[in-house]
Amino acid sequence: MFTGIIETTAKVSEIISTGSNIDIWLESNITNELKIDQSVSHNGVCLTVVGIEGNKYKVTAVAETLQKTNLSKWQQGTIVNIERSLKIGDRLDGHFVQGHVDATATCIKKETLDGSWLFRFHYPEQFAQLVIEKGSIAINGVSLTVFNVSKNEFTVTIIPYTYEHTNFSQLEESMQVNIEFDILGKYLLRMHTVNN
């Protein structure tokens, strides 16, 4: 379980195909604090640390993850948002994020405002019931509030701190991001669907 408050970023240093999976080596300034078998959110995807060598660590992504996320588009040098799992007793500054990406969305507009940035995204219409005005969403692992919601589009605003300390600074129009919808909304929708 995560909060959507990004700790730092990591840079992809090597990608190795192993059957239908890929092994990814990343460099980060918190590698020395990581442990084997630890869960870490990478662009909102919960992946397990399976190897550590110096300032690099390795995670493995399976076929299901590659199909539902933007991991298949990663290359050497890609900057990734990372967050370690929530500690019991910590403040929950974002919202509950599982690290289970539901789909990808495409950035269709990036606008520089006076001191902030506006991003608009297009997402699969089948998830329309899970996006509400002023509701929470995780985009590449970042907890954000959506507005100007339509059937298959929404907008978020990024403050300078978030822009500078996450990979939003590298996000451009037509690029894909990972999105995870609010778990509370998913459970409520499921209950409504089953009971009707």
N, C-alpha and C. Protein backbone atom coordinates (compact mmCIF):
# COMPACT_ATOMS: atom_id res chain seq x y z
N MET A 1 0.85 -1.19 0.00
CA MET A 1 0.00 0.00 0.00
C MET A 1 0.89 1.24 0.00
N PHE A 2 0.50 2.23 -0.79
CA PHE A 2 1.27 3.45 -0.95
C PHE A 2 0.36 4.66 -0.73
N THR A 3 0.94 5.86 -0.79
CA THR A 3 0.16 7.08 -0.57
C THR A 3 0.08 7.98 -1.80
N GLY A 4 0.92 7.73 -2.79
CA GLY A 4 0.95 8.60 -3.95
C GLY A 4 1.80 9.84 -3.74
N ILE A 5 2.58 9.85 -2.64
CA ILE A 5 3.53 10.94 -2.41
C ILE A 5 4.92 10.42 -2.80
N ILE A 6 5.42 10.87 -3.93
CA ILE A 6 6.66 10.34 -4.50
C ILE A 6 7.86 10.73 -3.64
N GLU A 7 8.70 9.74 -3.33
CA GLU A 7 9.90 10.00 -2.52
C GLU A 7 11.01 10.59 -3.36
N THR A 8 11.24 9.98 -4.52
CA THR A 8 12.35 10.37 -5.38
C THR A 8 12.12 9.73 -6.74
N THR A 9 13.11 9.84 -7.62
CA THR A 9 13.01 9.19 -8.92
C THR A 9 14.16 8.20 -9.08
N ALA A 10 14.02 7.33 -10.05
CA ALA A 10 15.07 6.38 -10.40
C ALA A 10 15.26 6.44 -11.91
N LYS A 11 16.44 6.09 -12.36
CA LYS A 11 16.72 6.08 -13.81
C LYS A 11 16.96 4.66 -14.27
N VAL A 12 16.28 4.27 -15.33
CA VAL A 12 16.46 2.93 -15.89
C VAL A 12 17.85 2.82 -16.49
N SER A 13 18.62 1.82 -16.05
CA SER A 13 19.98 1.65 -16.57
C SER A 13 20.10 0.47 -17.52
N GLU A 14 19.22 -0.53 -17.37
CA GLU A 14 19.29 -1.70 -18.25
C GLU A 14 17.96 -2.44 -18.21
N ILE A 15 17.56 -2.96 -19.36
CA ILE A 15 16.35 -3.77 -19.47
C ILE A 15 16.72 -5.08 -20.15
N ILE A 16 16.37 -6.19 -19.51
CA ILE A 16 16.74 -7.51 -20.02
C ILE A 16 15.47 -8.35 -20.18
N SER A 17 15.22 -8.84 -21.38
CA SER A 17 14.07 -9.71 -21.62
C SER A 17 14.39 -11.12 -21.15
N THR A 18 13.45 -11.70 -20.38
CA THR A 18 13.60 -13.08 -19.91
C THR A 18 12.28 -13.80 -20.16
N GLY A 19 12.15 -14.39 -21.34
CA GLY A 19 10.89 -15.00 -21.73
C GLY A 19 9.85 -13.92 -21.95
N SER A 20 8.68 -14.05 -21.30
CA SER A 20 7.63 -13.04 -21.44
C SER A 20 7.78 -11.91 -20.41
N ASN A 21 8.78 -12.02 -19.54
CA ASN A 21 9.03 -11.01 -18.51
C ASN A 21 10.19 -10.10 -18.91
N ILE A 22 10.36 -9.02 -18.16
CA ILE A 22 11.57 -8.22 -18.31
C ILE A 22 12.16 -7.94 -16.93
N ASP A 23 13.48 -7.97 -16.85
CA ASP A 23 14.20 -7.54 -15.66
C ASP A 23 14.68 -6.12 -15.91
N ILE A 24 14.47 -5.26 -14.93
CA ILE A 24 14.83 -3.85 -15.08
C ILE A 24 15.80 -3.46 -13.98
N TRP A 25 16.95 -2.94 -14.37
CA TRP A 25 17.92 -2.39 -13.41
C TRP A 25 17.74 -0.87 -13.38
N LEU A 26 17.67 -0.32 -12.16
CA LEU A 26 17.47 1.12 -12.00
C LEU A 26 18.51 1.68 -11.04
N GLU A 27 18.85 2.95 -11.24
CA GLU A 27 19.75 3.68 -10.33
C GLU A 27 18.92 4.69 -9.55
N SER A 28 19.16 4.75 -8.23
CA SER A 28 18.42 5.71 -7.41
C SER A 28 19.27 6.15 -6.22
N ASN A 29 18.97 7.33 -5.70
CA ASN A 29 19.69 7.82 -4.53
C ASN A 29 19.24 7.15 -3.24
N ILE A 30 18.23 6.25 -3.31
CA ILE A 30 17.83 5.52 -2.11
C ILE A 30 18.11 4.02 -2.24
N THR A 31 18.88 3.63 -3.25
CA THR A 31 19.18 2.20 -3.43
C THR A 31 19.78 1.59 -2.18
N ASN A 32 20.68 2.32 -1.50
CA ASN A 32 21.33 1.78 -0.30
C ASN A 32 20.37 1.58 0.86
N GLU A 33 19.14 2.10 0.76
CA GLU A 33 18.14 1.92 1.81
C GLU A 33 17.16 0.79 1.47
N LEU A 34 17.25 0.25 0.27
CA LEU A 34 16.33 -0.80 -0.16
C LEU A 34 16.81 -2.17 0.30
N LYS A 35 15.87 -3.11 0.31
CA LYS A 35 16.18 -4.49 0.70
C LYS A 35 15.56 -5.44 -0.30
N ILE A 36 16.18 -6.61 -0.46
CA ILE A 36 15.61 -7.64 -1.31
C ILE A 36 14.22 -8.01 -0.79
N ASP A 37 13.28 -8.22 -1.68
CA ASP A 37 11.90 -8.61 -1.39
C ASP A 37 11.05 -7.44 -0.90
N GLN A 38 11.55 -6.20 -1.04
CA GLN A 38 10.80 -5.02 -0.64
C GLN A 38 9.92 -4.55 -1.79
N SER A 39 8.71 -4.09 -1.46
CA SER A 39 7.79 -3.56 -2.47
C SER A 39 8.04 -2.08 -2.67
N VAL A 40 8.19 -1.68 -3.93
CA VAL A 40 8.43 -0.29 -4.28
C VAL A 40 7.53 0.07 -5.46
N SER A 41 6.87 1.22 -5.38
CA SER A 41 6.04 1.70 -6.47
C SER A 41 6.91 2.37 -7.52
N HIS A 42 6.76 1.93 -8.78
CA HIS A 42 7.49 2.49 -9.92
C HIS A 42 6.46 3.03 -10.92
N ASN A 43 6.36 4.36 -11.02
CA ASN A 43 5.32 4.97 -11.85
C ASN A 43 3.95 4.39 -11.50
N GLY A 44 3.76 4.10 -10.21
CA GLY A 44 2.49 3.60 -9.74
C GLY A 44 2.33 2.09 -9.78
N VAL A 45 3.35 1.38 -10.25
CA VAL A 45 3.31 -0.08 -10.34
C VAL A 45 4.10 -0.68 -9.19
N CYS A 46 3.45 -1.51 -8.38
CA CYS A 46 4.14 -2.16 -7.27
C CYS A 46 5.02 -3.28 -7.82
N LEU A 47 6.34 -3.14 -7.65
CA LEU A 47 7.30 -4.15 -8.09
C LEU A 47 8.21 -4.52 -6.93
N THR A 48 8.67 -5.76 -6.92
CA THR A 48 9.49 -6.28 -5.83
C THR A 48 10.97 -6.16 -6.17
N VAL A 49 11.76 -5.66 -5.24
CA VAL A 49 13.21 -5.60 -5.42
C VAL A 49 13.76 -7.02 -5.35
N VAL A 50 14.43 -7.46 -6.41
CA VAL A 50 14.95 -8.84 -6.46
C VAL A 50 16.48 -8.90 -6.53
N GLY A 51 17.12 -7.74 -6.67
CA GLY A 51 18.58 -7.71 -6.70
C GLY A 51 19.10 -6.32 -6.41
N ILE A 52 20.26 -6.24 -5.76
CA ILE A 52 20.90 -4.96 -5.46
C ILE A 52 22.39 -5.09 -5.73
N GLU A 53 22.94 -4.16 -6.50
CA GLU A 53 24.38 -4.12 -6.79
C GLU A 53 24.83 -2.66 -6.79
N GLY A 54 25.56 -2.27 -5.78
CA GLY A 54 26.03 -0.88 -5.69
C GLY A 54 24.86 0.07 -5.60
N ASN A 55 24.81 1.05 -6.52
CA ASN A 55 23.73 2.03 -6.50
C ASN A 55 22.58 1.63 -7.42
N LYS A 56 22.57 0.35 -7.87
CA LYS A 56 21.52 -0.13 -8.76
C LYS A 56 20.73 -1.25 -8.08
N TYR A 57 19.47 -1.34 -8.46
CA TYR A 57 18.65 -2.45 -7.98
C TYR A 57 17.81 -2.98 -9.13
N LYS A 58 17.34 -4.22 -8.97
CA LYS A 58 16.62 -4.90 -10.04
C LYS A 58 15.21 -5.26 -9.62
N VAL A 59 14.26 -5.08 -10.55
CA VAL A 59 12.88 -5.53 -10.38
C VAL A 59 12.50 -6.32 -11.62
N THR A 60 11.45 -7.14 -11.49
CA THR A 60 10.96 -7.94 -12.61
C THR A 60 9.51 -7.59 -12.88
N ALA A 61 9.19 -7.39 -14.15
CA ALA A 61 7.81 -7.13 -14.58
C ALA A 61 7.33 -8.29 -15.43
N VAL A 62 6.16 -8.84 -15.08
CA VAL A 62 5.59 -9.98 -15.81
C VAL A 62 4.73 -9.49 -16.96
N ALA A 63 4.29 -10.43 -17.80
CA ALA A 63 3.54 -10.08 -19.01
C ALA A 63 2.28 -9.28 -18.71
N GLU A 64 1.53 -9.67 -17.67
CA GLU A 64 0.29 -8.96 -17.30
C GLU A 64 0.57 -7.50 -17.00
N THR A 65 1.66 -7.23 -16.28
CA THR A 65 2.04 -5.85 -15.95
C THR A 65 2.42 -5.08 -17.20
N LEU A 66 3.15 -5.72 -18.09
CA LEU A 66 3.58 -5.05 -19.32
C LEU A 66 2.40 -4.69 -20.21
N GLN A 67 1.34 -5.50 -20.17
CA GLN A 67 0.17 -5.25 -21.01
C GLN A 67 -0.68 -4.09 -20.48
N LYS A 68 -0.74 -3.91 -19.17
CA LYS A 68 -1.65 -2.93 -18.58
C LYS A 68 -0.99 -1.60 -18.23
N THR A 69 0.31 -1.50 -18.35
CA THR A 69 1.03 -0.30 -17.91
C THR A 69 1.89 0.26 -19.03
N ASN A 70 2.63 1.33 -18.71
CA ASN A 70 3.54 1.90 -19.70
C ASN A 70 4.97 1.36 -19.58
N LEU A 71 5.15 0.30 -18.79
CA LEU A 71 6.50 -0.25 -18.60
C LEU A 71 7.13 -0.73 -19.90
N SER A 72 6.31 -1.21 -20.83
CA SER A 72 6.85 -1.72 -22.10
C SER A 72 7.47 -0.60 -22.93
N LYS A 73 7.18 0.65 -22.58
CA LYS A 73 7.73 1.79 -23.31
C LYS A 73 9.00 2.34 -22.66
N TRP A 74 9.36 1.79 -21.49
CA TRP A 74 10.57 2.26 -20.83
C TRP A 74 11.80 1.92 -21.66
N GLN A 75 12.79 2.79 -21.58
CA GLN A 75 14.07 2.59 -22.26
C GLN A 75 15.19 2.95 -21.30
N GLN A 76 16.40 2.64 -21.70
CA GLN A 76 17.55 3.06 -20.90
C GLN A 76 17.52 4.58 -20.78
N GLY A 77 17.58 5.08 -19.55
CA GLY A 77 17.55 6.52 -19.31
C GLY A 77 16.18 7.05 -18.89
N THR A 78 15.13 6.23 -19.00
CA THR A 78 13.79 6.66 -18.58
C THR A 78 13.79 6.99 -17.09
N ILE A 79 13.17 8.12 -16.74
CA ILE A 79 13.07 8.54 -15.34
C ILE A 79 11.74 8.04 -14.79
N VAL A 80 11.80 7.39 -13.63
CA VAL A 80 10.64 6.72 -13.04
C VAL A 80 10.38 7.28 -11.64
N ASN A 81 9.11 7.56 -11.32
CA ASN A 81 8.72 7.97 -9.97
C ASN A 81 8.75 6.75 -9.05
N ILE A 82 9.37 6.88 -7.88
CA ILE A 82 9.36 5.75 -6.95
C ILE A 82 8.92 6.18 -5.54
N GLU A 83 8.26 5.23 -4.88
CA GLU A 83 7.79 5.42 -3.51
C GLU A 83 7.83 4.08 -2.80
N ARG A 84 8.41 4.07 -1.61
CA ARG A 84 8.36 2.85 -0.80
C ARG A 84 7.02 2.73 -0.11
N SER A 85 6.69 1.52 0.32
CA SER A 85 5.36 1.27 0.89
C SER A 85 5.13 2.08 2.16
N LEU A 86 3.85 2.30 2.44
CA LEU A 86 3.42 3.08 3.59
C LEU A 86 3.77 2.39 4.90
N LYS A 87 4.31 3.16 5.85
CA LYS A 87 4.57 2.65 7.20
C LYS A 87 3.35 2.92 8.07
N ILE A 88 2.99 1.94 8.89
CA ILE A 88 1.91 2.17 9.84
C ILE A 88 2.33 3.28 10.81
N GLY A 89 1.48 4.26 11.01
CA GLY A 89 1.80 5.37 11.90
C GLY A 89 2.22 6.62 11.15
N ASP A 90 2.54 6.48 9.83
CA ASP A 90 2.88 7.66 9.04
C ASP A 90 1.63 8.45 8.70
N ARG A 91 1.80 9.74 8.43
CA ARG A 91 0.69 10.55 7.95
C ARG A 91 0.36 10.11 6.52
N LEU A 92 -0.91 10.09 6.21
CA LEU A 92 -1.36 9.75 4.86
C LEU A 92 -1.60 11.07 4.12
N ASP A 93 -0.56 11.57 3.48
CA ASP A 93 -0.65 12.88 2.83
C ASP A 93 -1.34 12.83 1.48
N GLY A 94 -1.38 11.66 0.85
CA GLY A 94 -2.05 11.54 -0.44
C GLY A 94 -3.38 10.82 -0.27
N HIS A 95 -3.49 9.64 -0.88
CA HIS A 95 -4.64 8.76 -0.66
C HIS A 95 -4.16 7.33 -0.77
N PHE A 96 -5.00 6.38 -0.41
CA PHE A 96 -4.58 4.98 -0.46
C PHE A 96 -4.38 4.55 -1.92
N VAL A 97 -3.16 4.15 -2.23
CA VAL A 97 -2.79 3.70 -3.58
C VAL A 97 -2.25 2.28 -3.45
N GLN A 98 -2.81 1.35 -4.20
CA GLN A 98 -2.40 -0.05 -4.09
C GLN A 98 -1.14 -0.39 -4.88
N GLY A 99 -0.88 0.36 -5.92
CA GLY A 99 0.22 -0.02 -6.80
C GLY A 99 -0.24 -1.01 -7.86
N HIS A 100 -1.57 -1.10 -8.04
CA HIS A 100 -2.17 -1.97 -9.05
C HIS A 100 -2.79 -1.09 -10.14
N VAL A 101 -2.04 -0.85 -11.17
CA VAL A 101 -2.46 0.06 -12.24
C VAL A 101 -3.66 -0.53 -12.97
N ASP A 102 -4.67 0.31 -13.20
CA ASP A 102 -5.89 -0.13 -13.89
C ASP A 102 -5.79 0.00 -15.40
N ALA A 103 -5.11 1.02 -15.87
CA ALA A 103 -5.04 1.29 -17.31
C ALA A 103 -3.98 2.35 -17.57
N THR A 104 -3.81 2.67 -18.83
CA THR A 104 -2.97 3.81 -19.18
C THR A 104 -3.87 4.91 -19.73
N ALA A 105 -3.38 6.14 -19.62
CA ALA A 105 -4.06 7.30 -20.19
C ALA A 105 -3.05 8.05 -21.05
N THR A 106 -3.56 8.83 -21.98
CA THR A 106 -2.69 9.58 -22.89
C THR A 106 -2.81 11.07 -22.60
N CYS A 107 -1.67 11.72 -22.47
CA CYS A 107 -1.66 13.17 -22.27
C CYS A 107 -2.06 13.84 -23.59
N ILE A 108 -3.15 14.61 -23.56
CA ILE A 108 -3.62 15.26 -24.78
C ILE A 108 -3.41 16.78 -24.74
N LYS A 109 -3.01 17.29 -23.56
CA LYS A 109 -2.74 18.72 -23.47
C LYS A 109 -1.80 19.00 -22.31
N LYS A 110 -0.80 19.80 -22.57
CA LYS A 110 0.09 20.29 -21.51
C LYS A 110 0.15 21.80 -21.67
N GLU A 111 -0.22 22.50 -20.61
CA GLU A 111 -0.26 23.96 -20.67
C GLU A 111 0.50 24.54 -19.48
N THR A 112 1.42 25.45 -19.77
CA THR A 112 2.16 26.12 -18.73
C THR A 112 1.37 27.33 -18.25
N LEU A 113 1.06 27.35 -16.98
CA LEU A 113 0.34 28.48 -16.39
C LEU A 113 1.33 29.38 -15.66
N ASP A 114 0.86 30.35 -14.96
CA ASP A 114 1.74 31.25 -14.22
C ASP A 114 2.08 30.63 -12.86
N GLY A 115 3.06 29.73 -12.86
CA GLY A 115 3.49 29.10 -11.62
C GLY A 115 3.02 27.67 -11.44
N SER A 116 2.34 27.10 -12.43
CA SER A 116 1.91 25.71 -12.35
C SER A 116 1.74 25.18 -13.78
N TRP A 117 1.40 23.89 -13.87
CA TRP A 117 1.22 23.25 -15.16
C TRP A 117 -0.11 22.51 -15.17
N LEU A 118 -0.81 22.59 -16.29
CA LEU A 118 -2.08 21.91 -16.45
C LEU A 118 -1.89 20.77 -17.44
N PHE A 119 -2.35 19.58 -17.07
CA PHE A 119 -2.29 18.41 -17.95
C PHE A 119 -3.70 17.86 -18.13
N ARG A 120 -4.06 17.56 -19.37
CA ARG A 120 -5.33 16.90 -19.63
C ARG A 120 -5.07 15.52 -20.23
N PHE A 121 -5.85 14.54 -19.77
CA PHE A 121 -5.63 13.15 -20.17
C PHE A 121 -6.89 12.54 -20.76
N HIS A 122 -6.68 11.65 -21.71
CA HIS A 122 -7.74 10.84 -22.30
C HIS A 122 -7.54 9.41 -21.77
N TYR A 123 -8.62 8.81 -21.27
CA TYR A 123 -8.52 7.46 -20.70
C TYR A 123 -9.65 6.59 -21.25
N PRO A 124 -9.56 5.25 -21.09
CA PRO A 124 -10.59 4.37 -21.64
C PRO A 124 -11.97 4.65 -21.04
N GLU A 125 -12.96 4.80 -21.91
CA GLU A 125 -14.31 5.18 -21.48
C GLU A 125 -14.94 4.16 -20.53
N GLN A 126 -14.49 2.92 -20.58
CA GLN A 126 -15.06 1.88 -19.72
C GLN A 126 -14.87 2.19 -18.23
N PHE A 127 -13.93 3.09 -17.92
CA PHE A 127 -13.66 3.45 -16.52
C PHE A 127 -14.33 4.76 -16.10
N ALA A 128 -15.22 5.29 -16.93
CA ALA A 128 -15.80 6.61 -16.69
C ALA A 128 -16.45 6.75 -15.31
N GLN A 129 -17.07 5.67 -14.82
CA GLN A 129 -17.77 5.74 -13.54
C GLN A 129 -16.82 5.88 -12.35
N LEU A 130 -15.53 5.67 -12.58
CA LEU A 130 -14.56 5.71 -11.49
C LEU A 130 -13.85 7.06 -11.36
N VAL A 131 -14.17 7.98 -12.26
CA VAL A 131 -13.54 9.30 -12.22
C VAL A 131 -14.61 10.34 -11.89
N ILE A 132 -14.45 11.02 -10.76
CA ILE A 132 -15.43 12.01 -10.34
C ILE A 132 -14.75 13.37 -10.13
N GLU A 133 -15.52 14.42 -10.30
CA GLU A 133 -15.02 15.78 -10.10
C GLU A 133 -14.47 15.94 -8.69
N LYS A 134 -13.23 16.44 -8.58
CA LYS A 134 -12.51 16.64 -7.32
C LYS A 134 -12.18 15.32 -6.61
N GLY A 135 -12.21 14.22 -7.36
CA GLY A 135 -11.85 12.92 -6.80
C GLY A 135 -10.35 12.67 -6.91
N SER A 136 -9.89 11.61 -6.26
CA SER A 136 -8.47 11.26 -6.26
C SER A 136 -8.15 10.26 -7.37
N ILE A 137 -6.94 10.38 -7.91
CA ILE A 137 -6.44 9.45 -8.90
C ILE A 137 -4.92 9.40 -8.75
N ALA A 138 -4.32 8.27 -9.10
CA ALA A 138 -2.85 8.18 -9.11
C ALA A 138 -2.39 8.15 -10.56
N ILE A 139 -1.53 9.10 -10.91
CA ILE A 139 -0.97 9.18 -12.26
C ILE A 139 0.54 8.98 -12.16
N ASN A 140 1.03 7.91 -12.78
CA ASN A 140 2.44 7.51 -12.62
C ASN A 140 2.82 7.48 -11.15
N GLY A 141 1.86 7.05 -10.32
CA GLY A 141 2.10 6.90 -8.89
C GLY A 141 1.89 8.14 -8.06
N VAL A 142 1.58 9.28 -8.70
CA VAL A 142 1.40 10.55 -7.99
C VAL A 142 -0.06 10.74 -7.63
N SER A 143 -0.35 10.97 -6.35
CA SER A 143 -1.72 11.23 -5.90
C SER A 143 -2.13 12.64 -6.32
N LEU A 144 -3.22 12.71 -7.10
CA LEU A 144 -3.68 13.99 -7.63
C LEU A 144 -5.20 14.10 -7.56
N THR A 145 -5.69 15.33 -7.66
CA THR A 145 -7.12 15.61 -7.69
C THR A 145 -7.52 15.99 -9.11
N VAL A 146 -8.59 15.38 -9.61
CA VAL A 146 -9.02 15.64 -10.98
C VAL A 146 -10.13 16.69 -11.02
N PHE A 147 -10.22 17.39 -12.15
CA PHE A 147 -11.31 18.34 -12.38
C PHE A 147 -11.59 18.41 -13.87
N ASN A 148 -12.63 19.17 -14.24
CA ASN A 148 -13.07 19.23 -15.64
C ASN A 148 -13.23 17.83 -16.23
N VAL A 149 -13.95 16.98 -15.48
CA VAL A 149 -14.12 15.58 -15.87
C VAL A 149 -15.20 15.45 -16.94
N SER A 150 -14.88 14.71 -18.00
CA SER A 150 -15.88 14.34 -19.00
C SER A 150 -15.92 12.81 -19.06
N LYS A 151 -16.61 12.27 -20.03
CA LYS A 151 -16.79 10.81 -20.09
C LYS A 151 -15.45 10.07 -20.16
N ASN A 152 -14.50 10.60 -20.88
CA ASN A 152 -13.22 9.90 -21.00
C ASN A 152 -12.01 10.84 -20.98
N GLU A 153 -12.19 12.00 -20.31
CA GLU A 153 -11.07 12.93 -20.15
C GLU A 153 -11.14 13.58 -18.77
N PHE A 154 -9.98 13.98 -18.27
CA PHE A 154 -9.92 14.74 -17.02
C PHE A 154 -8.67 15.60 -17.05
N THR A 155 -8.63 16.55 -16.12
CA THR A 155 -7.51 17.48 -16.04
C THR A 155 -6.94 17.48 -14.63
N VAL A 156 -5.64 17.67 -14.51
CA VAL A 156 -4.98 17.87 -13.22
C VAL A 156 -4.06 19.08 -13.33
N THR A 157 -3.79 19.70 -12.19
CA THR A 157 -2.83 20.79 -12.13
C THR A 157 -1.64 20.35 -11.28
N ILE A 158 -0.44 20.66 -11.74
CA ILE A 158 0.78 20.26 -11.06
C ILE A 158 1.49 21.50 -10.51
N ILE A 159 1.79 21.48 -9.22
CA ILE A 159 2.51 22.59 -8.60
C ILE A 159 4.01 22.46 -8.89
N PRO A 160 4.77 23.53 -8.75
CA PRO A 160 6.20 23.50 -9.06
C PRO A 160 6.97 22.39 -8.33
N TYR A 161 6.70 22.16 -7.05
CA TYR A 161 7.45 21.13 -6.31
C TYR A 161 7.25 19.76 -6.95
N THR A 162 6.01 19.41 -7.25
CA THR A 162 5.72 18.11 -7.86
C THR A 162 6.33 18.03 -9.25
N TYR A 163 6.24 19.11 -10.00
CA TYR A 163 6.80 19.14 -11.36
C TYR A 163 8.31 18.89 -11.34
N GLU A 164 8.98 19.49 -10.38
CA GLU A 164 10.44 19.39 -10.32
C GLU A 164 10.92 18.08 -9.70
N HIS A 165 10.11 17.43 -8.86
CA HIS A 165 10.56 16.25 -8.13
C HIS A 165 9.95 14.93 -8.61
N THR A 166 9.22 14.98 -9.73
CA THR A 166 8.68 13.77 -10.34
C THR A 166 8.96 13.81 -11.84
N ASN A 167 8.52 12.76 -12.55
CA ASN A 167 8.75 12.77 -14.00
C ASN A 167 7.68 13.55 -14.77
N PHE A 168 6.83 14.31 -14.07
CA PHE A 168 5.91 15.19 -14.79
C PHE A 168 6.67 16.23 -15.61
N SER A 169 7.86 16.57 -15.19
CA SER A 169 8.65 17.54 -15.95
C SER A 169 9.05 17.01 -17.32
N GLN A 170 8.99 15.69 -17.51
CA GLN A 170 9.36 15.10 -18.79
C GLN A 170 8.15 14.66 -19.60
N LEU A 171 6.96 14.85 -19.04
CA LEU A 171 5.75 14.41 -19.70
C LEU A 171 5.31 15.41 -20.77
N GLU A 172 5.08 14.91 -21.97
CA GLU A 172 4.65 15.74 -23.08
C GLU A 172 3.38 15.17 -23.70
N GLU A 173 2.74 15.96 -24.54
CA GLU A 173 1.53 15.51 -25.21
C GLU A 173 1.81 14.26 -26.03
N SER A 174 0.86 13.34 -26.03
CA SER A 174 0.86 12.04 -26.72
C SER A 174 1.56 10.93 -25.92
N MET A 175 2.19 11.28 -24.81
CA MET A 175 2.84 10.26 -23.98
C MET A 175 1.81 9.56 -23.09
N GLN A 176 2.09 8.29 -22.78
CA GLN A 176 1.21 7.50 -21.93
C GLN A 176 1.65 7.53 -20.48
N VAL A 177 0.66 7.50 -19.58
CA VAL A 177 0.92 7.42 -18.14
C VAL A 177 0.11 6.27 -17.56
N ASN A 178 0.55 5.76 -16.42
CA ASN A 178 -0.20 4.75 -15.69
C ASN A 178 -1.23 5.43 -14.80
N ILE A 179 -2.43 4.88 -14.75
CA ILE A 179 -3.45 5.44 -13.85
C ILE A 179 -4.04 4.33 -12.98
N GLU A 180 -4.24 4.69 -11.72
CA GLU A 180 -4.94 3.82 -10.78
C GLU A 180 -6.08 4.62 -10.17
N PHE A 181 -7.28 4.08 -10.30
CA PHE A 181 -8.46 4.76 -9.77
C PHE A 181 -8.58 4.50 -8.28
N ASP A 182 -9.29 5.38 -7.59
CA ASP A 182 -9.46 5.31 -6.15
C ASP A 182 -10.10 3.98 -5.75
N ILE A 183 -9.47 3.26 -4.84
CA ILE A 183 -9.95 1.94 -4.43
C ILE A 183 -11.35 2.00 -3.83
N LEU A 184 -11.68 3.07 -3.13
CA LEU A 184 -13.02 3.19 -2.56
C LEU A 184 -14.08 3.24 -3.65
N GLY A 185 -13.80 3.97 -4.71
CA GLY A 185 -14.72 4.04 -5.84
C GLY A 185 -14.89 2.69 -6.51
N LYS A 186 -13.80 1.93 -6.61
CA LYS A 186 -13.88 0.62 -7.25
C LYS A 186 -14.74 -0.34 -6.44
N TYR A 187 -14.59 -0.32 -5.11
CA TYR A 187 -15.40 -1.20 -4.27
C TYR A 187 -16.88 -0.80 -4.31
N LEU A 188 -17.15 0.50 -4.27
CA LEU A 188 -18.54 0.96 -4.32
C LEU A 188 -19.22 0.59 -5.63
N LEU A 189 -18.48 0.75 -6.73
CA LEU A 189 -19.04 0.39 -8.04
C LEU A 189 -19.30 -1.11 -8.10
N ARG A 190 -18.39 -1.91 -7.57
CA ARG A 190 -18.55 -3.36 -7.57
C ARG A 190 -19.79 -3.76 -6.77
N MET A 191 -19.96 -3.17 -5.59
CA MET A 191 -21.12 -3.48 -4.75
C MET A 191 -22.42 -3.12 -5.46
N HIS A 192 -22.42 -1.95 -6.12
CA HIS A 192 -23.61 -1.51 -6.84
C HIS A 192 -23.92 -2.46 -7.99
N THR A 193 -22.89 -2.88 -8.72
CA THR A 193 -23.07 -3.76 -9.87
C THR A 193 -23.59 -5.14 -9.45
N VAL A 194 -23.02 -5.67 -8.38
CA VAL A 194 -23.41 -7.01 -7.90
C VAL A 194 -24.83 -7.01 -7.34
N ASN A 195 -25.21 -5.94 -6.68
CA ASN A 195 -26.52 -5.87 -6.02
C ASN A 195 -27.65 -5.41 -6.93
N ASN A 196 -27.35 -5.12 -8.19
CA ASN A 196 -28.40 -4.67 -9.12
C ASN A 196 -28.44 -5.54 -10.37
